[in-house]
């Protein structure tokens, strides 16, 4: 069996929040179902040198990207 070396193949994101965090800009927000999801999203943001702000609203839990 021969193996082929490939270059420039993107590593898939293991986080379910990766796509959301990548597409969020400063002052964007997302409405989540619970505080556990908000913590998980903020953790992913911190890993990418971003900052999130969490607030409970009448609709649910909202996370804003602030940096």
N, C-alpha and C. Protein backbone atom coordinates (compact mmCIF):
# COMPACT_ATOMS: atom_id res chain seq x y z
N UNK A 1 0.84 -1.18 0.00
CA UNK A 1 0.00 0.00 0.00
C UNK A 1 0.88 1.24 0.00
N UNK A 2 0.54 2.20 -0.82
CA UNK A 2 1.27 3.45 -0.89
C UNK A 2 0.51 4.55 -0.16
N UNK A 3 1.27 5.44 0.44
CA UNK A 3 0.68 6.56 1.15
C UNK A 3 1.01 7.85 0.42
N UNK A 4 0.06 8.75 0.42
CA UNK A 4 0.25 10.03 -0.27
C UNK A 4 0.31 11.13 0.79
N UNK A 5 1.33 11.94 0.76
CA UNK A 5 1.46 13.07 1.67
C UNK A 5 0.71 14.25 1.06
N UNK A 6 -0.18 14.84 1.85
CA UNK A 6 -0.98 15.96 1.38
C UNK A 6 -0.68 17.20 2.20
N UNK A 7 -0.65 18.32 1.54
CA UNK A 7 -0.38 19.59 2.20
C UNK A 7 -1.63 20.46 2.20
N UNK A 8 -1.69 21.36 3.17
CA UNK A 8 -2.76 22.36 3.26
C UNK A 8 -4.14 21.73 3.42
N UNK A 9 -4.24 20.66 4.18
CA UNK A 9 -5.53 20.06 4.50
C UNK A 9 -5.93 20.59 5.87
N UNK A 10 -7.06 21.27 5.95
CA UNK A 10 -7.49 21.89 7.21
C UNK A 10 -7.83 20.82 8.24
N UNK A 11 -7.45 21.08 9.47
CA UNK A 11 -7.77 20.18 10.58
C UNK A 11 -9.20 20.48 11.01
N UNK A 12 -10.06 19.47 11.07
CA UNK A 12 -11.45 19.72 11.46
C UNK A 12 -11.53 20.19 12.92
N UNK A 13 -12.47 21.07 13.17
CA UNK A 13 -12.67 21.62 14.50
C UNK A 13 -13.42 20.59 15.35
N UNK A 14 -12.91 20.32 16.54
CA UNK A 14 -13.55 19.34 17.42
C UNK A 14 -14.69 19.96 18.22
N UNK A 15 -14.71 21.25 18.33
CA UNK A 15 -15.73 21.93 19.12
C UNK A 15 -16.99 22.14 18.28
N UNK A 16 -18.14 21.94 18.90
CA UNK A 16 -19.38 22.20 18.17
C UNK A 16 -19.62 23.70 18.00
N UNK A 17 -18.86 24.52 18.74
CA UNK A 17 -19.01 25.97 18.67
C UNK A 17 -18.04 26.63 17.71
N UNK A 18 -17.13 25.88 17.13
CA UNK A 18 -16.08 26.45 16.29
C UNK A 18 -16.59 27.30 15.15
N UNK A 19 -17.58 26.83 14.44
CA UNK A 19 -18.10 27.57 13.29
C UNK A 19 -18.78 28.87 13.73
N UNK A 20 -19.51 28.80 14.84
CA UNK A 20 -20.18 29.99 15.35
C UNK A 20 -19.15 31.03 15.78
N UNK A 21 -18.14 30.60 16.55
CA UNK A 21 -17.12 31.52 17.04
C UNK A 21 -16.36 32.15 15.88
N UNK A 22 -16.05 31.38 14.88
CA UNK A 22 -15.32 31.90 13.72
C UNK A 22 -16.13 32.96 12.98
N UNK A 23 -17.44 32.78 12.90
CA UNK A 23 -18.26 33.72 12.13
C UNK A 23 -18.72 34.93 12.94
N UNK A 24 -18.56 34.90 14.27
CA UNK A 24 -18.99 36.04 15.09
C UNK A 24 -17.99 37.19 15.01
N UNK A 25 -18.53 38.40 14.93
CA UNK A 25 -17.73 39.61 14.98
C UNK A 25 -18.04 40.32 16.29
N UNK A 26 -17.20 41.28 16.66
CA UNK A 26 -17.39 42.03 17.89
C UNK A 26 -18.79 42.65 17.87
N UNK A 27 -19.50 42.53 18.99
CA UNK A 27 -20.87 43.01 19.23
C UNK A 27 -21.94 42.09 18.68
N UNK A 28 -21.58 40.97 18.06
CA UNK A 28 -22.57 39.96 17.66
C UNK A 28 -22.95 39.16 18.89
N UNK A 29 -24.17 38.62 18.89
CA UNK A 29 -24.60 37.78 20.01
C UNK A 29 -25.34 36.56 19.49
N UNK A 30 -25.45 35.57 20.36
CA UNK A 30 -26.17 34.35 20.02
C UNK A 30 -27.01 33.95 21.23
N UNK A 31 -28.24 33.52 20.98
CA UNK A 31 -29.16 33.09 22.02
C UNK A 31 -29.02 31.59 22.21
N UNK A 32 -28.78 31.16 23.45
CA UNK A 32 -28.58 29.75 23.76
C UNK A 32 -29.67 29.25 24.71
N UNK A 33 -29.73 27.94 24.85
CA UNK A 33 -30.77 27.33 25.67
C UNK A 33 -30.49 27.38 27.16
N UNK A 34 -29.21 27.28 27.55
CA UNK A 34 -28.91 27.21 28.98
C UNK A 34 -27.49 27.72 29.26
N UNK A 35 -27.19 27.84 30.54
CA UNK A 35 -25.90 28.38 30.97
C UNK A 35 -24.74 27.45 30.63
N UNK A 36 -24.96 26.14 30.61
CA UNK A 36 -23.89 25.21 30.24
C UNK A 36 -23.41 25.45 28.81
N UNK A 37 -24.35 25.69 27.90
CA UNK A 37 -23.97 26.01 26.51
C UNK A 37 -23.21 27.32 26.45
N UNK A 38 -23.63 28.30 27.25
CA UNK A 38 -22.96 29.60 27.26
C UNK A 38 -21.53 29.46 27.76
N UNK A 39 -21.32 28.68 28.81
CA UNK A 39 -19.96 28.47 29.32
C UNK A 39 -19.09 27.78 28.28
N UNK A 40 -19.65 26.80 27.61
CA UNK A 40 -18.91 26.07 26.59
C UNK A 40 -18.52 26.99 25.43
N UNK A 41 -19.45 27.82 25.00
CA UNK A 41 -19.17 28.77 23.92
C UNK A 41 -18.09 29.76 24.35
N UNK A 42 -18.17 30.30 25.56
CA UNK A 42 -17.16 31.25 26.04
C UNK A 42 -15.80 30.59 26.18
N UNK A 43 -15.77 29.33 26.56
CA UNK A 43 -14.50 28.60 26.65
C UNK A 43 -13.85 28.50 25.27
N UNK A 44 -14.65 28.20 24.26
CA UNK A 44 -14.13 28.13 22.89
C UNK A 44 -13.64 29.50 22.44
N UNK A 45 -14.35 30.55 22.80
CA UNK A 45 -13.93 31.91 22.45
C UNK A 45 -12.58 32.24 23.09
N UNK A 46 -12.41 31.89 24.37
CA UNK A 46 -11.15 32.18 25.05
C UNK A 46 -9.98 31.45 24.41
N UNK A 47 -10.21 30.22 23.95
CA UNK A 47 -9.15 29.46 23.29
C UNK A 47 -8.71 30.15 22.00
N UNK A 48 -9.58 30.95 21.43
CA UNK A 48 -9.27 31.65 20.18
C UNK A 48 -8.96 33.13 20.42
N UNK A 49 -8.57 33.46 21.64
CA UNK A 49 -8.21 34.82 22.03
C UNK A 49 -9.34 35.81 21.79
N UNK A 50 -10.57 35.38 22.01
CA UNK A 50 -11.73 36.26 21.95
C UNK A 50 -12.34 36.33 23.35
N UNK A 51 -13.25 37.27 23.53
CA UNK A 51 -13.85 37.43 24.84
C UNK A 51 -15.36 37.47 24.69
N UNK A 52 -16.06 36.77 25.58
CA UNK A 52 -17.51 36.74 25.54
C UNK A 52 -18.13 37.28 26.82
N UNK A 53 -19.33 37.77 26.71
CA UNK A 53 -20.10 38.28 27.84
C UNK A 53 -21.42 37.53 27.87
N UNK A 54 -21.77 36.98 29.03
CA UNK A 54 -22.99 36.17 29.17
C UNK A 54 -24.00 36.91 30.02
N UNK A 55 -25.23 36.94 29.56
CA UNK A 55 -26.34 37.51 30.33
C UNK A 55 -27.58 36.63 30.15
N UNK A 56 -28.32 36.48 31.23
CA UNK A 56 -29.60 35.79 31.16
C UNK A 56 -30.66 36.81 30.77
N UNK A 57 -31.45 36.49 29.75
CA UNK A 57 -32.52 37.37 29.30
C UNK A 57 -33.85 36.65 29.44
N UNK A 58 -34.92 37.32 29.12
CA UNK A 58 -36.24 36.69 29.20
C UNK A 58 -36.40 35.57 28.17
N UNK A 59 -35.59 35.62 27.09
CA UNK A 59 -35.65 34.61 26.03
C UNK A 59 -34.79 33.39 26.32
N UNK A 60 -33.78 33.55 27.17
CA UNK A 60 -32.82 32.48 27.45
C UNK A 60 -31.49 33.07 27.86
N UNK A 61 -30.42 32.41 27.49
CA UNK A 61 -29.08 32.89 27.84
C UNK A 61 -28.43 33.40 26.56
N UNK A 62 -27.91 34.61 26.63
CA UNK A 62 -27.30 35.23 25.44
C UNK A 62 -25.82 35.47 25.69
N UNK A 63 -25.01 35.22 24.64
CA UNK A 63 -23.56 35.46 24.70
C UNK A 63 -23.22 36.48 23.61
N UNK A 64 -22.52 37.53 24.04
CA UNK A 64 -22.02 38.54 23.11
C UNK A 64 -20.52 38.38 22.95
N UNK A 65 -20.02 38.60 21.77
CA UNK A 65 -18.57 38.69 21.57
C UNK A 65 -18.19 40.14 21.80
N UNK A 66 -17.30 40.37 22.77
CA UNK A 66 -16.93 41.76 23.10
C UNK A 66 -15.48 42.08 22.76
N UNK A 67 -14.71 41.09 22.36
CA UNK A 67 -13.31 41.33 21.95
C UNK A 67 -12.91 40.32 20.92
